[in-house]
Amino acid sequence: MTRRSLLLPLLGLLSVPTAAVLTISAALNVIEYVPLLTTSEDYYNSSAVFVNGGVAPLVRNSSIDLGANAETQALRNYANNTSLRIIWNIAEVPYRLVANRAAGISSLSDLKGKRVGTINGTSAGYFVEQLLKTVGLEYGDYQTIPGNICHEAPCGNRTFPDLLAKGEIDAFGIWEPTLQLGIDALPAGQTVVFQDRKVYREIYNLHSTKEKLADKKKRREIVVFLKNLIKAQRVFEDEPEKVYARVSAAVNVSVPLLEKVWRVHDWSGGIPKDLVDVLEEEEKYIARVDNRTASSRAHVAKMVDGSVLVEALALLRKEKGHGKGRGRD
């Protein structure tokens, strides 16, 4: 294996080794998940089991304890399983949209009638739609084109950077590092980049379920894991040079590329004060895409559970007061 943590494919119901402390589901090719991996490596001797997925496996498979995903996918899965709970924010990432000046684009309004790459129904699709609404462009005023993500140049056929470089799309909006690779795919000065944190930022969260949190033993394990995740994320936020190489190895993104995109990642954690506001607005989009009735603010607010964080912070204060070093509680 190339990683010290055990990575298992998600094939039906999992048979989890009894030695595993926690089983965690996340997309194992995204930068945002890596603090979970380093927490397992640094505090648990790599005993956590990682499965490729996100919140969908978490709510469908009782052997999974934690799941990480953007808030859009949490809303999608909460609609059918209200046991899902958001317990911590791993990263906030204001998405960017890159456009080709050669296509006659210098402002967002110039995207009217243009071909815009994104993945509809995801955080990226929501971002593009909301960003273009700020200049009066509605869905249908531009053409959305699907494509694939890319983690390192040269990007392959039908990836968004490839489509932009070939002139098959005029712009695209997606998560990192694919967006940065799109910027790099065009000659210097030929790109224009749009970003507005107030319009959209990905809120990539850690989730569990009501049932897991009601189990005293499992809850204790989750609280201790969160306590250590908080410490791991402090390194990501304050001393990124210490983790560049580890992130690079985990998701196959070069260190120079990571250094370019790191600045758009906020690893400070917590539970965002406006999270319920964000969920309420994004629920309308997800409900429309999924062809269902949008849930109320009161309903989606129940997905947010700050009690685990309160307990984790209490453990941190206790640990600091006792002068403990690194290690499991």
C-alpha atoms as a PDB file:
ATOM      1  CA  MET A   1       0.000   0.000   0.000  1.00  0.00           C
ATOM      2  CA  THR A   2       1.099   3.542  -0.667  1.00  0.00           C
ATOM      3  CA  ARG A   3      -0.659   4.977   2.376  1.00  0.00           C
ATOM      4  CA  ARG A   4      -0.366   3.932   5.941  1.00  0.00           C
ATOM      5  CA  SER A   5      -4.114   4.030   6.533  1.00  0.00           C
ATOM      6  CA  LEU A   6      -6.226   1.199   5.200  1.00  0.00           C
ATOM      7  CA  LEU A   7      -8.208   2.302   2.164  1.00  0.00           C
ATOM      8  CA  LEU A   8     -11.053  -0.029   1.255  1.00  0.00           C
ATOM      9  CA  PRO A   9     -13.273   0.190  -1.829  1.00  0.00           C
ATOM     10  CA  LEU A  10     -16.945   0.554  -1.067  1.00  0.00           C
ATOM     11  CA  LEU A  11     -18.470  -2.631  -2.481  1.00  0.00           C
ATOM     12  CA  GLY A  12     -21.834  -3.316  -0.919  1.00  0.00           C
ATOM     13  CA  LEU A  13     -21.833  -3.859   2.820  1.00  0.00           C
ATOM     14  CA  LEU A  14     -18.449  -3.534   4.435  1.00  0.00           C
ATOM     15  CA  SER A  15     -16.860  -6.054   6.728  1.00  0.00           C
ATOM     16  CA  VAL A  16     -14.886  -3.789   9.036  1.00  0.00           C
ATOM     17  CA  PRO A  17     -11.870  -5.196  10.887  1.00  0.00           C
ATOM     18  CA  THR A  18     -12.483  -5.357  14.643  1.00  0.00           C
ATOM     19  CA  ALA A  19      -9.207  -3.501  15.250  1.00  0.00           C
ATOM     20  CA  ALA A  20     -10.502  -0.368  13.506  1.00  0.00           C
ATOM     21  CA  VAL A  21     -11.218   2.549  15.817  1.00  0.00           C
ATOM     22  CA  LEU A  22     -13.491   4.378  13.378  1.00  0.00           C
ATOM     23  CA  THR A  23     -14.589   3.875   9.794  1.00  0.00           C
ATOM     24  CA  ILE A  24     -14.690   7.057   7.762  1.00  0.00           C
ATOM     25  CA  SER A  25     -16.208   7.649   4.334  1.00  0.00           C
ATOM     26  CA  ALA A  26     -14.910  10.447   2.106  1.00  0.00           C
ATOM     27  CA  ALA A  27     -13.915  11.127  -1.471  1.00  0.00           C
ATOM     28  CA  LEU A  28     -10.310  10.000  -1.255  1.00  0.00           C
ATOM     29  CA  ASN A  29      -9.132  12.182  -4.143  1.00  0.00           C
ATOM     30  CA  VAL A  30      -9.983  15.609  -2.698  1.00  0.00           C
ATOM     31  CA  ILE A  31      -7.661  17.871  -0.758  1.00  0.00           C
ATOM     32  CA  GLU A  32     -10.281  18.587   1.879  1.00  0.00           C
ATOM     33  CA  TYR A  33     -10.374  15.043   3.230  1.00  0.00           C
ATOM     34  CA  VAL A  34      -6.662  14.805   4.084  1.00  0.00           C
ATOM     35  CA  PRO A  35      -6.861  16.218   7.660  1.00  0.00           C
ATOM     36  CA  LEU A  36      -8.887  13.112   8.497  1.00  0.00           C
ATOM     37  CA  LEU A  37      -6.095  10.940   7.149  1.00  0.00           C
ATOM     38  CA  THR A  38      -3.343  12.760   9.033  1.00  0.00           C
ATOM     39  CA  THR A  39      -5.388  12.568  12.226  1.00  0.00           C
ATOM     40  CA  SER A  40      -5.522   8.786  11.841  1.00  0.00           C
ATOM     41  CA  GLU A  41      -1.807   8.611  11.101  1.00  0.00           C
ATOM     42  CA  ASP A  42      -0.638  10.948  13.867  1.00  0.00           C
ATOM     43  CA  TYR A  43      -2.983  10.029  16.700  1.00  0.00           C
ATOM     44  CA  TYR A  44      -4.279   6.526  15.944  1.00  0.00           C
ATOM     45  CA  ASN A  45      -1.338   4.652  14.451  1.00  0.00           C
ATOM     46  CA  SER A  46      -3.299   4.633  11.181  1.00  0.00           C
ATOM     47  CA  SER A  47      -5.999   2.395  12.623  1.00  0.00           C
ATOM     48  CA  ALA A  48      -8.939   4.311  11.135  1.00  0.00           C
ATOM     49  CA  VAL A  49     -10.455   2.648   8.080  1.00  0.00           C
ATOM     50  CA  PHE A  50     -11.177   4.887   5.081  1.00  0.00           C
ATOM     51  CA  VAL A  51     -13.718   4.028   2.410  1.00  0.00           C
ATOM     52  CA  ASN A  52     -14.233   5.970  -0.789  1.00  0.00           C
ATOM     53  CA  GLY A  53     -17.529   7.822  -0.720  1.00  0.00           C
ATOM     54  CA  GLY A  54     -18.920  10.566   1.484  1.00  0.00           C
ATOM     55  CA  VAL A  55     -22.169  11.012   3.368  1.00  0.00           C
ATOM     56  CA  ALA A  56     -24.159   8.647   1.132  1.00  0.00           C
ATOM     57  CA  PRO A  57     -22.361   5.519   2.435  1.00  0.00           C
ATOM     58  CA  LEU A  58     -22.564   6.888   5.979  1.00  0.00           C
ATOM     59  CA  VAL A  59     -26.379   6.983   6.007  1.00  0.00           C
ATOM     60  CA  ARG A  60     -26.737   3.667   4.168  1.00  0.00           C
ATOM     61  CA  ASN A  61     -24.196   1.528   5.988  1.00  0.00           C
ATOM     62  CA  SER A  62     -24.249   1.149   9.760  1.00  0.00           C
ATOM     63  CA  SER A  63     -20.605   0.035   9.841  1.00  0.00           C
ATOM     64  CA  ILE A  64     -19.478   3.555   8.882  1.00  0.00           C
ATOM     65  CA  ASP A  65     -19.088   6.054  11.718  1.00  0.00           C
ATOM     66  CA  LEU A  66     -18.151   9.328  10.025  1.00  0.00           C
ATOM     67  CA  GLY A  67     -18.541  10.843   6.579  1.00  0.00           C
ATOM     68  CA  ALA A  68     -17.076  13.938   4.948  1.00  0.00           C
ATOM     69  CA  ASN A  69     -18.684  15.927   2.136  1.00  0.00           C
ATOM     70  CA  ALA A  70     -19.717  19.344   0.929  1.00  0.00           C
ATOM     71  CA  GLU A  71     -22.953  20.740   2.279  1.00  0.00           C
ATOM     72  CA  THR A  72     -24.812  20.160  -1.001  1.00  0.00           C
ATOM     73  CA  GLN A  73     -24.436  16.400  -0.725  1.00  0.00           C
ATOM     74  CA  ALA A  74     -25.417  16.514   2.933  1.00  0.00           C
ATOM     75  CA  LEU A  75     -28.708  18.142   1.938  1.00  0.00           C
ATOM     76  CA  ARG A  76     -29.279  15.575  -0.802  1.00  0.00           C
ATOM     77  CA  ASN A  77     -28.865  12.674   1.623  1.00  0.00           C
ATOM     78  CA  TYR A  78     -30.648  14.300   4.548  1.00  0.00           C
ATOM     79  CA  ALA A  79     -33.810  14.436   2.446  1.00  0.00           C
ATOM     80  CA  ASN A  80     -34.044  10.648   2.656  1.00  0.00           C
ATOM     81  CA  ASN A  81     -32.297  10.023   5.964  1.00  0.00           C
ATOM     82  CA  THR A  82     -32.848  12.570   8.691  1.00  0.00           C
ATOM     83  CA  SER A  83     -30.426  10.811  11.043  1.00  0.00           C
ATOM     84  CA  LEU A  84     -27.515  12.621   9.332  1.00  0.00           C
ATOM     85  CA  ARG A  85     -25.703  15.157  11.521  1.00  0.00           C
ATOM     86  CA  ILE A  86     -23.080  17.816  10.750  1.00  0.00           C
ATOM     87  CA  ILE A  87     -20.637  17.927  13.662  1.00  0.00           C
ATOM     88  CA  TRP A  88     -17.608  19.925  12.415  1.00  0.00           C
ATOM     89  CA  ASN A  89     -16.305  21.974   9.503  1.00  0.00           C
ATOM     90  CA  ILE A  90     -13.110  20.654   7.960  1.00  0.00           C
ATOM     91  CA  ALA A  91     -12.612  23.310   5.293  1.00  0.00           C
ATOM     92  CA  GLU A  92     -14.268  26.313   3.712  1.00  0.00           C
ATOM     93  CA  VAL A  93     -13.303  26.897   0.083  1.00  0.00           C
ATOM     94  CA  PRO A  94     -14.573  29.862  -1.947  1.00  0.00           C
ATOM     95  CA  TYR A  95     -14.863  28.402  -5.443  1.00  0.00           C
ATOM     96  CA  ARG A  96     -13.521  30.180  -8.492  1.00  0.00           C
ATOM     97  CA  LEU A  97     -14.612  30.448 -12.109  1.00  0.00           C
ATOM     98  CA  VAL A  98     -12.009  30.852 -14.848  1.00  0.00           C
ATOM     99  CA  ALA A  99     -12.859  32.261 -18.273  1.00  0.00           C
ATOM    100  CA  ASN A 100     -10.980  32.712 -21.537  1.00  0.00           C
ATOM    101  CA  ARG A 101     -10.540  36.359 -22.480  1.00  0.00           C
ATOM    102  CA  ALA A 102     -10.108  35.278 -26.106  1.00  0.00           C
ATOM    103  CA  ALA A 103     -13.775  34.246 -26.073  1.00  0.00           C
ATOM    104  CA  GLY A 104     -14.731  37.867 -25.473  1.00  0.00           C
ATOM    105  CA  ILE A 105     -15.109  37.572 -21.710  1.00  0.00           C
ATOM    106  CA  SER A 106     -13.945  40.285 -19.355  1.00  0.00           C
ATOM    107  CA  SER A 107     -16.888  40.387 -16.951  1.00  0.00           C
ATOM    108  CA  LEU A 108     -19.426  37.917 -15.634  1.00  0.00           C
ATOM    109  CA  SER A 109     -22.168  39.400 -17.796  1.00  0.00           C
ATOM    110  CA  ASP A 110     -20.135  38.419 -20.867  1.00  0.00           C
ATOM    111  CA  LEU A 111     -20.941  34.781 -20.081  1.00  0.00           C
ATOM    112  CA  LYS A 112     -24.430  35.196 -21.516  1.00  0.00           C
ATOM    113  CA  GLY A 113     -24.749  32.692 -24.348  1.00  0.00           C
ATOM    114  CA  LYS A 114     -21.360  31.160 -23.538  1.00  0.00           C
ATOM    115  CA  ARG A 115     -20.394  27.557 -22.813  1.00  0.00           C
ATOM    116  CA  VAL A 116     -19.676  27.118 -19.109  1.00  0.00           C
ATOM    117  CA  GLY A 117     -18.205  23.894 -17.776  1.00  0.00           C
ATOM    118  CA  THR A 118     -19.431  22.540 -14.464  1.00  0.00           C
ATOM    119  CA  ILE A 119     -20.998  19.474 -12.856  1.00  0.00           C
ATOM    120  CA  ASN A 120     -24.700  20.115 -12.349  1.00  0.00           C
ATOM    121  CA  GLY A 121     -26.255  18.977  -9.091  1.00  0.00           C
ATOM    122  CA  THR A 122     -23.011  19.398  -7.161  1.00  0.00           C
ATOM    123  CA  SER A 123     -21.466  22.214  -5.159  1.00  0.00           C
ATOM    124  CA  ALA A 124     -19.826  23.386  -8.387  1.00  0.00           C
ATOM    125  CA  GLY A 125     -23.128  23.495 -10.246  1.00  0.00           C
ATOM    126  CA  TYR A 126     -24.703  25.506  -7.444  1.00  0.00           C
ATOM    127  CA  PHE A 127     -21.737  27.872  -7.356  1.00  0.00           C
ATOM    128  CA  VAL A 128     -21.885  28.639 -11.090  1.00  0.00           C
ATOM    129  CA  GLU A 129     -25.619  29.227 -10.992  1.00  0.00           C
ATOM    130  CA  GLN A 130     -25.461  31.536  -7.976  1.00  0.00           C
ATOM    131  CA  LEU A 131     -22.456  33.479  -9.257  1.00  0.00           C
ATOM    132  CA  LEU A 132     -24.078  34.210 -12.613  1.00  0.00           C
ATOM    133  CA  LYS A 133     -27.316  35.228 -10.951  1.00  0.00           C
ATOM    134  CA  THR A 134     -25.420  38.169  -9.429  1.00  0.00           C
ATOM    135  CA  VAL A 135     -25.345  39.750 -12.911  1.00  0.00           C
ATOM    136  CA  GLY A 136     -28.878  38.760 -13.843  1.00  0.00           C
ATOM    137  CA  LEU A 137     -28.052  35.587 -15.756  1.00  0.00           C
ATOM    138  CA  GLU A 138     -30.441  32.731 -15.122  1.00  0.00           C
ATOM    139  CA  TYR A 139     -29.927  29.061 -15.834  1.00  0.00           C
ATOM    140  CA  GLY A 140     -30.520  28.783 -19.567  1.00  0.00           C
ATOM    141  CA  ASP A 141     -28.913  32.126 -20.412  1.00  0.00           C
ATOM    142  CA  TYR A 142     -25.702  30.141 -20.850  1.00  0.00           C
ATOM    143  CA  GLN A 143     -24.942  26.536 -21.777  1.00  0.00           C
ATOM    144  CA  THR A 144     -23.533  24.207 -19.136  1.00  0.00           C
ATOM    145  CA  ILE A 145     -21.054  21.624 -20.383  1.00  0.00           C
ATOM    146  CA  PRO A 146     -20.037  18.537 -18.368  1.00  0.00           C
ATOM    147  CA  GLY A 147     -16.435  17.479 -17.997  1.00  0.00           C
ATOM    148  CA  ASN A 148     -13.966  15.744 -15.732  1.00  0.00           C
ATOM    149  CA  ILE A 149     -11.664  16.942 -12.983  1.00  0.00           C
ATOM    150  CA  CYS A 150      -7.875  16.873 -13.161  1.00  0.00           C
ATOM    151  CA  HIS A 151      -5.227  16.773 -10.447  1.00  0.00           C
ATOM    152  CA  GLU A 152      -2.044  17.331 -12.414  1.00  0.00           C
ATOM    153  CA  ALA A 153      -0.926  18.640 -15.802  1.00  0.00           C
ATOM    154  CA  PRO A 154      -1.072  17.567 -18.522  1.00  0.00           C
ATOM    155  CA  CYS A 155      -4.803  17.133 -18.061  1.00  0.00           C
ATOM    156  CA  GLY A 156      -6.465  14.380 -20.045  1.00  0.00           C
ATOM    157  CA  ASN A 157      -9.110  14.481 -22.730  1.00  0.00           C
ATOM    158  CA  ARG A 158     -12.498  15.874 -21.653  1.00  0.00           C
ATOM    159  CA  THR A 159     -11.208  17.345 -18.423  1.00  0.00           C
ATOM    160  CA  PHE A 160     -12.237  20.948 -17.842  1.00  0.00           C
ATOM    161  CA  PRO A 161      -8.720  22.403 -18.330  1.00  0.00           C
ATOM    162  CA  ASP A 162      -8.414  20.421 -21.568  1.00  0.00           C
ATOM    163  CA  LEU A 163     -11.795  21.660 -22.823  1.00  0.00           C
ATOM    164  CA  LEU A 164     -10.867  25.261 -21.989  1.00  0.00           C
ATOM    165  CA  ALA A 165      -7.484  25.037 -23.709  1.00  0.00           C
ATOM    166  CA  LYS A 166      -9.075  23.534 -26.834  1.00  0.00           C
ATOM    167  CA  GLY A 167     -11.759  26.212 -26.982  1.00  0.00           C
ATOM    168  CA  GLU A 168     -14.582  23.714 -26.451  1.00  0.00           C
ATOM    169  CA  ILE A 169     -15.797  25.681 -23.439  1.00  0.00           C
ATOM    170  CA  ASP A 170     -15.440  29.385 -22.694  1.00  0.00           C
ATOM    171  CA  ALA A 171     -15.254  29.136 -18.917  1.00  0.00           C
ATOM    172  CA  PHE A 172     -15.681  26.690 -16.076  1.00  0.00           C
ATOM    173  CA  GLY A 173     -16.294  26.616 -12.338  1.00  0.00           C
ATOM    174  CA  ILE A 174     -15.235  23.688 -10.177  1.00  0.00           C
ATOM    175  CA  TRP A 175     -13.281  22.805  -7.045  1.00  0.00           C
ATOM    176  CA  GLU A 176      -9.506  22.842  -6.704  1.00  0.00           C
ATOM    177  CA  PRO A 177      -7.004  21.984  -8.026  1.00  0.00           C
ATOM    178  CA  THR A 178      -8.840  21.549 -11.357  1.00  0.00           C
ATOM    179  CA  LEU A 179      -9.671  25.259 -11.448  1.00  0.00           C
ATOM    180  CA  GLN A 180      -6.039  26.268 -10.980  1.00  0.00           C
ATOM    181  CA  LEU A 181      -5.020  23.874 -13.746  1.00  0.00           C
ATOM    182  CA  GLY A 182      -7.501  25.662 -15.991  1.00  0.00           C
ATOM    183  CA  ILE A 183      -5.803  28.965 -15.228  1.00  0.00           C
ATOM    184  CA  ASP A 184      -2.450  27.384 -15.994  1.00  0.00           C
ATOM    185  CA  ALA A 185      -3.735  25.843 -19.252  1.00  0.00           C
ATOM    186  CA  LEU A 186      -4.059  29.200 -21.010  1.00  0.00           C
ATOM    187  CA  PRO A 187      -1.312  31.707 -21.823  1.00  0.00           C
ATOM    188  CA  ALA A 188      -0.512  34.309 -19.190  1.00  0.00           C
ATOM    189  CA  GLY A 189      -2.924  37.217 -19.368  1.00  0.00           C
ATOM    190  CA  GLN A 190      -5.554  35.271 -21.281  1.00  0.00           C
ATOM    191  CA  THR A 191      -7.574  34.211 -18.260  1.00  0.00           C
ATOM    192  CA  VAL A 192     -10.001  36.129 -16.097  1.00  0.00           C
ATOM    193  CA  VAL A 193     -10.942  34.678 -12.734  1.00  0.00           C
ATOM    194  CA  PHE A 194     -14.126  35.354 -10.760  1.00  0.00           C
ATOM    195  CA  GLN A 195     -14.643  34.595  -7.085  1.00  0.00           C
ATOM    196  CA  ASP A 196     -17.052  35.850  -4.443  1.00  0.00           C
ATOM    197  CA  ARG A 197     -17.027  34.228  -1.023  1.00  0.00           C
ATOM    198  CA  LYS A 198     -20.297  35.930  -0.131  1.00  0.00           C
ATOM    199  CA  VAL A 199     -22.000  34.227  -3.053  1.00  0.00           C
ATOM    200  CA  TYR A 200     -20.604  30.770  -2.449  1.00  0.00           C
ATOM    201  CA  ARG A 201     -17.970  28.893  -0.551  1.00  0.00           C
ATOM    202  CA  GLU A 202     -17.884  25.146  -0.178  1.00  0.00           C
ATOM    203  CA  ILE A 203     -18.472  24.155   3.437  1.00  0.00           C
ATOM    204  CA  TYR A 204     -16.844  20.745   3.624  1.00  0.00           C
ATOM    205  CA  ASN A 205     -18.049  19.125   6.814  1.00  0.00           C
ATOM    206  CA  LEU A 206     -17.594  16.077   8.994  1.00  0.00           C
ATOM    207  CA  HIS A 207     -20.810  14.150   9.639  1.00  0.00           C
ATOM    208  CA  SER A 208     -22.085  11.323  11.778  1.00  0.00           C
ATOM    209  CA  THR A 209     -25.562   9.974  12.477  1.00  0.00           C
ATOM    210  CA  LYS A 210     -28.038  10.337  15.295  1.00  0.00           C
ATOM    211  CA  GLU A 211     -27.681   6.637  16.064  1.00  0.00           C
ATOM    212  CA  LYS A 212     -23.886   6.733  16.304  1.00  0.00           C
ATOM    213  CA  LEU A 213     -23.995   9.754  18.567  1.00  0.00           C
ATOM    214  CA  ALA A 214     -26.567   8.099  20.837  1.00  0.00           C
ATOM    215  CA  ASP A 215     -24.208   5.153  21.410  1.00  0.00           C
ATOM    216  CA  LYS A 216     -22.110   6.187  24.429  1.00  0.00           C
ATOM    217  CA  LYS A 217     -19.033   4.197  23.476  1.00  0.00           C
ATOM    218  CA  LYS A 218     -19.098   5.258  19.836  1.00  0.00           C
ATOM    219  CA  ARG A 219     -19.809   8.851  20.750  1.00  0.00           C
ATOM    220  CA  ARG A 220     -16.769   8.888  23.021  1.00  0.00           C
ATOM    221  CA  GLU A 221     -14.609   7.614  20.150  1.00  0.00           C
ATOM    222  CA  ILE A 222     -16.003  10.290  17.829  1.00  0.00           C
ATOM    223  CA  VAL A 223     -15.472  13.076  20.384  1.00  0.00           C
ATOM    224  CA  VAL A 224     -11.855  12.036  20.922  1.00  0.00           C
ATOM    225  CA  PHE A 225     -11.281  11.807  17.169  1.00  0.00           C
ATOM    226  CA  LEU A 226     -12.695  15.310  16.729  1.00  0.00           C
ATOM    227  CA  LYS A 227     -10.454  16.613  19.503  1.00  0.00           C
ATOM    228  CA  ASN A 228      -7.434  15.296  17.600  1.00  0.00           C
ATOM    229  CA  LEU A 229      -8.763  16.484  14.245  1.00  0.00           C
ATOM    230  CA  ILE A 230      -8.929  20.003  15.668  1.00  0.00           C
ATOM    231  CA  LYS A 231      -5.232  19.763  16.505  1.00  0.00           C
ATOM    232  CA  ALA A 232      -4.408  18.376  13.068  1.00  0.00           C
ATOM    233  CA  GLN A 233      -6.258  21.184  11.322  1.00  0.00           C
ATOM    234  CA  ARG A 234      -4.302  23.794  13.248  1.00  0.00           C
ATOM    235  CA  VAL A 235      -1.220  22.564  11.411  1.00  0.00           C
ATOM    236  CA  PHE A 236      -3.037  22.779   8.062  1.00  0.00           C
ATOM    237  CA  GLU A 237      -4.066  26.342   8.853  1.00  0.00           C
ATOM    238  CA  ASP A 238      -0.949  27.702  10.553  1.00  0.00           C
ATOM    239  CA  GLU A 239       1.967  25.587   9.297  1.00  0.00           C
ATOM    240  CA  PRO A 240       0.984  24.224   5.877  1.00  0.00           C
ATOM    241  CA  GLU A 241       4.582  23.619   4.853  1.00  0.00           C
ATOM    242  CA  LYS A 242       4.580  20.727   7.330  1.00  0.00           C
ATOM    243  CA  VAL A 243       1.774  18.917   5.505  1.00  0.00           C
ATOM    244  CA  TYR A 244       2.264  19.772   1.814  1.00  0.00           C
ATOM    245  CA  ALA A 245       4.184  16.574   1.120  1.00  0.00           C
ATOM    246  CA  ARG A 246       1.645  14.422   2.942  1.00  0.00           C
ATOM    247  CA  VAL A 247      -1.305  15.990   1.125  1.00  0.00           C
ATOM    248  CA  SER A 248       0.560  15.587  -2.160  1.00  0.00           C
ATOM    249  CA  ALA A 249       1.087  11.874  -1.542  1.00  0.00           C
ATOM    250  CA  ALA A 250      -2.504  11.349  -0.412  1.00  0.00           C
ATOM    251  CA  VAL A 251      -4.292  12.892  -3.397  1.00  0.00           C
ATOM    252  CA  ASN A 252      -1.583  12.878  -6.103  1.00  0.00           C
ATOM    253  CA  VAL A 253      -1.323  16.652  -6.404  1.00  0.00           C
ATOM    254  CA  SER A 254       2.154  18.158  -6.729  1.00  0.00           C
ATOM    255  CA  VAL A 255       3.452  20.379  -3.950  1.00  0.00           C
ATOM    256  CA  PRO A 256       3.876  23.418  -6.273  1.00  0.00           C
ATOM    257  CA  LEU A 257       0.228  23.081  -7.311  1.00  0.00           C
ATOM    258  CA  LEU A 258      -0.873  22.715  -3.701  1.00  0.00           C
ATOM    259  CA  GLU A 259       0.979  25.884  -2.800  1.00  0.00           C
ATOM    260  CA  LYS A 260      -0.974  27.751  -5.481  1.00  0.00           C
ATOM    261  CA  VAL A 261      -4.393  26.631  -4.252  1.00  0.00           C
ATOM    262  CA  TRP A 262      -3.778  26.518  -0.491  1.00  0.00           C
ATOM    263  CA  ARG A 263      -4.668  30.175  -0.067  1.00  0.00           C
ATOM    264  CA  VAL A 264      -8.298  29.526  -1.026  1.00  0.00           C
ATOM    265  CA  HIS A 265      -8.688  26.880   1.692  1.00  0.00           C
ATOM    266  CA  ASP A 266      -9.698  27.888   5.211  1.00  0.00           C
ATOM    267  CA  TRP A 267      -8.890  25.128   7.707  1.00  0.00           C
ATOM    268  CA  SER A 268      -9.856  27.003  10.876  1.00  0.00           C
ATOM    269  CA  GLY A 269     -12.788  24.661  11.519  1.00  0.00           C
ATOM    270  CA  GLY A 270     -15.656  25.013  13.965  1.00  0.00           C
ATOM    271  CA  ILE A 271     -19.280  25.232  12.869  1.00  0.00           C
ATOM    272  CA  PRO A 272     -19.888  28.310  10.684  1.00  0.00           C
ATOM    273  CA  LYS A 273     -22.296  30.784  12.252  1.00  0.00           C
ATOM    274  CA  ASP A 274     -24.231  31.107   9.006  1.00  0.00           C
ATOM    275  CA  LEU A 275     -24.383  27.376   8.284  1.00  0.00           C
ATOM    276  CA  VAL A 276     -28.142  27.089   8.710  1.00  0.00           C
ATOM    277  CA  ASP A 277     -28.647  30.148   6.471  1.00  0.00           C
ATOM    278  CA  VAL A 278     -26.512  28.491   3.814  1.00  0.00           C
ATOM    279  CA  LEU A 279     -28.331  25.179   4.131  1.00  0.00           C
ATOM    280  CA  GLU A 280     -31.713  26.884   3.837  1.00  0.00           C
ATOM    281  CA  GLU A 281     -30.761  28.584   0.557  1.00  0.00           C
ATOM    282  CA  GLU A 282     -28.957  25.617  -0.980  1.00  0.00           C
ATOM    283  CA  GLU A 283     -31.831  23.294  -0.101  1.00  0.00           C
ATOM    284  CA  LYS A 284     -33.928  25.110  -2.716  1.00  0.00           C
ATOM    285  CA  TYR A 285     -31.372  24.288  -5.417  1.00  0.00           C
ATOM    286  CA  ILE A 286     -30.891  20.656  -4.398  1.00  0.00           C
ATOM    287  CA  ALA A 287     -34.656  20.114  -4.146  1.00  0.00           C
ATOM    288  CA  ARG A 288     -35.151  21.517  -7.644  1.00  0.00           C
ATOM    289  CA  VAL A 289     -32.386  19.396  -9.122  1.00  0.00           C
ATOM    290  CA  ASP A 290     -33.694  16.291  -7.341  1.00  0.00           C
ATOM    291  CA  ASN A 291     -37.298  17.083  -8.292  1.00  0.00           C
ATOM    292  CA  ARG A 292     -38.688  17.248  -4.781  1.00  0.00           C
ATOM    293  CA  THR A 293     -40.205  19.815  -2.448  1.00  0.00           C
ATOM    294  CA  ALA A 294     -37.694  21.899  -0.519  1.00  0.00           C
ATOM    295  CA  SER A 295     -37.567  21.308   3.225  1.00  0.00           C
ATOM    296  CA  SER A 296     -38.105  24.112   5.712  1.00  0.00           C
ATOM    297  CA  ARG A 297     -35.369  25.993   7.520  1.00  0.00           C
ATOM    298  CA  ALA A 298     -36.415  24.372  10.793  1.00  0.00           C
ATOM    299  CA  HIS A 299     -36.065  20.928   9.236  1.00  0.00           C
ATOM    300  CA  VAL A 300     -32.578  21.390   7.760  1.00  0.00           C
ATOM    301  CA  ALA A 301     -31.412  23.132  10.944  1.00  0.00           C
ATOM    302  CA  LYS A 302     -31.841  19.829  12.793  1.00  0.00           C
ATOM    303  CA  MET A 303     -28.975  18.402  10.755  1.00  0.00           C
ATOM    304  CA  VAL A 304     -26.495  20.618  12.646  1.00  0.00           C
ATOM    305  CA  ASP A 305     -25.339  19.188  15.990  1.00  0.00           C
ATOM    306  CA  GLY A 306     -22.844  21.291  17.902  1.00  0.00           C
ATOM    307  CA  SER A 307     -22.828  19.120  21.020  1.00  0.00           C
ATOM    308  CA  VAL A 308     -19.964  16.906  19.825  1.00  0.00           C
ATOM    309  CA  LEU A 309     -17.768  19.956  19.305  1.00  0.00           C
ATOM    310  CA  VAL A 310     -18.597  21.223  22.801  1.00  0.00           C
ATOM    311  CA  GLU A 311     -17.386  17.925  24.265  1.00  0.00           C
ATOM    312  CA  ALA A 312     -14.276  17.838  22.080  1.00  0.00           C
ATOM    313  CA  LEU A 313     -13.304  21.358  23.118  1.00  0.00           C
ATOM    314  CA  ALA A 314     -13.792  20.380  26.768  1.00  0.00           C
ATOM    315  CA  LEU A 315     -11.342  17.508  26.252  1.00  0.00           C
ATOM    316  CA  LEU A 316      -8.862  19.885  24.655  1.00  0.00           C
ATOM    317  CA  ARG A 317      -9.070  22.246  27.630  1.00  0.00           C
ATOM    318  CA  LYS A 318      -8.617  19.334  29.991  1.00  0.00           C
ATOM    319  CA  GLU A 319      -5.639  18.068  28.018  1.00  0.00           C
ATOM    320  CA  LYS A 320      -4.030  21.481  27.997  1.00  0.00           C
ATOM    321  CA  GLY A 321      -4.637  21.891  31.702  1.00  0.00           C
ATOM    322  CA  HIS A 322      -2.980  18.577  32.461  1.00  0.00           C
ATOM    323  CA  GLY A 323      -0.046  19.370  30.190  1.00  0.00           C
ATOM    324  CA  LYS A 324      -0.548  16.265  28.104  1.00  0.00           C
ATOM    325  CA  GLY A 325       1.445  15.637  24.971  1.00  0.00           C
ATOM    326  CA  ARG A 326       0.159  14.287  21.715  1.00  0.00           C
ATOM    327  CA  GLY A 327      -1.650  10.999  21.747  1.00  0.00           C
ATOM    328  CA  ARG A 328      -5.011   9.417  22.216  1.00  0.00           C
ATOM    329  CA  ASP A 329      -7.174  10.464  25.129  1.00  0.00           C
END
